[in-house]
Amino acid sequence: MIVTGNDLTQMDKLKGYLSQEFNMKDLGNLKYFLGIEVNRSNQGIFLSQRKYVLDLLRDTGMLNCEPIKSPMEQNHGLEECKDQISANEGRYQRLVGRLIYLSHTRPDIAYAVSVVSRFMHNPG
């Protein structure tokens, strides 16, 4: 459950009620949840998956690679080839799954991730 608002009295009442009904503990402001870092400032709340990305790059051996802008062309014409050499299907599926999760905070990669996810059953 996420509680929003600025009325501390109402929040304390709600926490008191919930602690009577459930075994719970107030952990304070959310800082990190399911691989997503939460930062608050005067400008608002910012979500980041920096650690998640670094772990992903390390696991794929790409930690030392340089970032570049490479927008993916629409109507790219990618398709399966009959004579292609298949990649490790399980590894490919795990990587695409991690990229799908990353696209929650990086909508700029959503299109490219959707394209590579089309080949999950036969990566090559």
Protein backbone atom coordinates (compact mmCIF):
# COMPACT_ATOMS: atom_id res chain seq x y z
CA MET A 1 0.00 0.00 0.00
CA ILE A 2 1.25 3.47 -0.83
CA VAL A 3 0.00 6.38 1.24
CA THR A 4 0.33 9.87 -0.16
CA GLY A 5 -0.42 13.24 1.39
CA ASN A 6 1.00 15.72 3.83
CA ASP A 7 -1.31 15.33 6.84
CA LEU A 8 0.94 13.65 9.40
CA THR A 9 -1.93 13.20 11.88
CA GLN A 10 -4.00 11.27 9.34
CA MET A 11 -0.99 9.15 8.39
CA ASP A 12 -0.32 8.32 12.05
CA LYS A 13 -3.99 7.35 12.50
CA LEU A 14 -3.83 5.09 9.46
CA LYS A 15 -0.58 3.47 10.65
CA GLY A 16 -2.11 2.91 14.08
CA TYR A 17 -5.19 1.27 12.58
CA LEU A 18 -3.17 -0.93 10.25
CA SER A 19 -0.83 -2.04 13.05
CA GLN A 20 -3.89 -3.23 15.04
CA GLU A 21 -5.15 -5.26 12.08
CA PHE A 22 -1.83 -6.52 10.71
CA ASN A 23 1.62 -7.33 11.97
CA MET A 24 3.54 -4.42 10.46
CA LYS A 25 6.46 -2.11 10.93
CA ASP A 26 6.94 1.45 9.68
CA LEU A 27 10.20 1.50 7.72
CA GLY A 28 10.03 5.24 6.96
CA ASN A 29 10.29 6.78 3.53
CA LEU A 30 10.75 4.39 0.65
CA LYS A 31 14.31 4.44 -0.70
CA TYR A 32 14.69 1.22 -2.67
CA PHE A 33 12.09 -1.31 -3.83
CA LEU A 34 12.35 -4.22 -6.29
CA GLY A 35 15.44 -2.83 -8.00
CA ILE A 36 14.04 0.70 -8.25
CA GLU A 37 15.69 3.52 -6.31
CA VAL A 38 13.34 6.26 -5.10
CA ASN A 39 14.73 9.78 -4.60
CA ARG A 40 12.74 12.75 -3.31
CA SER A 41 13.53 16.39 -3.85
CA ASN A 42 11.71 19.72 -4.05
CA GLN A 43 11.11 19.03 -7.75
CA GLY A 44 9.33 15.73 -7.07
CA ILE A 45 9.94 12.00 -6.79
CA PHE A 46 12.46 10.41 -9.14
CA LEU A 47 12.78 6.72 -9.94
CA SER A 48 16.05 5.18 -11.04
CA GLN A 49 17.33 1.70 -11.81
CA ARG A 50 21.02 2.65 -11.87
CA LYS A 51 22.16 -0.31 -9.74
CA TYR A 52 19.93 -2.64 -11.75
CA VAL A 53 21.54 -1.43 -15.00
CA LEU A 54 25.06 -1.79 -13.60
CA ASP A 55 24.27 -5.36 -12.48
CA LEU A 56 22.81 -6.12 -15.92
CA LEU A 57 25.88 -4.74 -17.69
CA ARG A 58 28.21 -6.67 -15.36
CA ASP A 59 26.30 -9.94 -15.85
CA THR A 60 26.45 -9.59 -19.65
CA GLY A 61 30.13 -8.59 -19.72
CA MET A 62 29.35 -5.11 -21.03
CA LEU A 63 30.27 -3.02 -17.98
CA ASN A 64 33.14 -1.27 -19.79
CA CYS A 65 31.15 -0.45 -22.92
CA GLU A 66 30.56 3.17 -23.91
CA PRO A 67 26.97 4.43 -24.17
CA ILE A 68 25.77 5.79 -27.49
CA LYS A 69 22.47 7.04 -28.84
CA SER A 70 21.15 4.54 -31.30
CA PRO A 71 17.45 4.96 -31.93
CA MET A 72 15.92 1.89 -33.51
CA GLU A 73 14.44 2.29 -36.93
CA GLN A 74 10.72 1.59 -37.22
CA ASN A 75 9.70 -0.90 -39.90
CA HIS A 76 13.18 -2.39 -39.52
CA GLY A 77 12.41 -5.59 -41.41
CA LEU A 78 13.94 -7.93 -38.84
CA GLU A 79 12.72 -11.48 -39.27
CA GLU A 80 13.71 -15.04 -38.56
CA CYS A 81 16.07 -16.72 -40.99
CA LYS A 82 15.80 -20.44 -41.67
CA ASP A 83 19.57 -21.03 -41.62
CA GLN A 84 20.39 -18.91 -38.58
CA ILE A 85 22.49 -20.23 -35.73
CA SER A 86 20.34 -20.17 -32.61
CA ALA A 87 21.57 -18.36 -29.53
CA ASN A 88 21.18 -19.74 -26.00
CA GLU A 89 17.39 -19.49 -25.68
CA GLY A 90 17.26 -19.43 -21.87
CA ARG A 91 19.93 -16.75 -21.59
CA TYR A 92 18.23 -14.66 -24.28
CA GLN A 93 14.85 -14.93 -22.56
CA ARG A 94 16.30 -13.90 -19.19
CA LEU A 95 18.05 -10.92 -20.75
CA VAL A 96 14.91 -9.76 -22.56
CA GLY A 97 12.93 -10.16 -19.34
CA ARG A 98 15.43 -7.96 -17.52
CA LEU A 99 15.20 -5.38 -20.31
CA ILE A 100 11.40 -5.42 -20.09
CA TYR A 101 11.66 -4.67 -16.35
CA LEU A 102 14.19 -1.91 -17.07
CA SER A 103 11.80 -0.26 -19.52
CA HIS A 104 9.52 0.66 -16.56
CA THR A 105 11.86 3.53 -15.76
CA ARG A 106 13.38 3.84 -19.25
CA PRO A 107 10.48 4.20 -21.70
CA ASP A 108 12.98 5.29 -24.36
CA ILE A 109 14.07 1.66 -24.78
CA ALA A 110 10.54 0.19 -24.85
CA TYR A 111 10.29 -0.05 -28.64
CA ALA A 112 13.67 -1.76 -29.06
CA VAL A 113 12.84 -4.17 -26.23
CA SER A 114 9.50 -5.00 -27.83
CA VAL A 115 11.30 -5.82 -31.09
CA VAL A 116 13.84 -8.17 -29.49
CA SER A 117 11.08 -9.81 -27.43
CA ARG A 118 9.47 -11.01 -30.67
CA PHE A 119 12.31 -13.50 -31.06
CA MET A 120 12.14 -15.06 -27.58
CA HIS A 121 11.02 -18.44 -28.95
CA ASN A 122 13.85 -18.61 -31.50
CA PRO A 123 16.71 -16.19 -30.81
CA GLY A 124 19.41 -15.96 -33.38
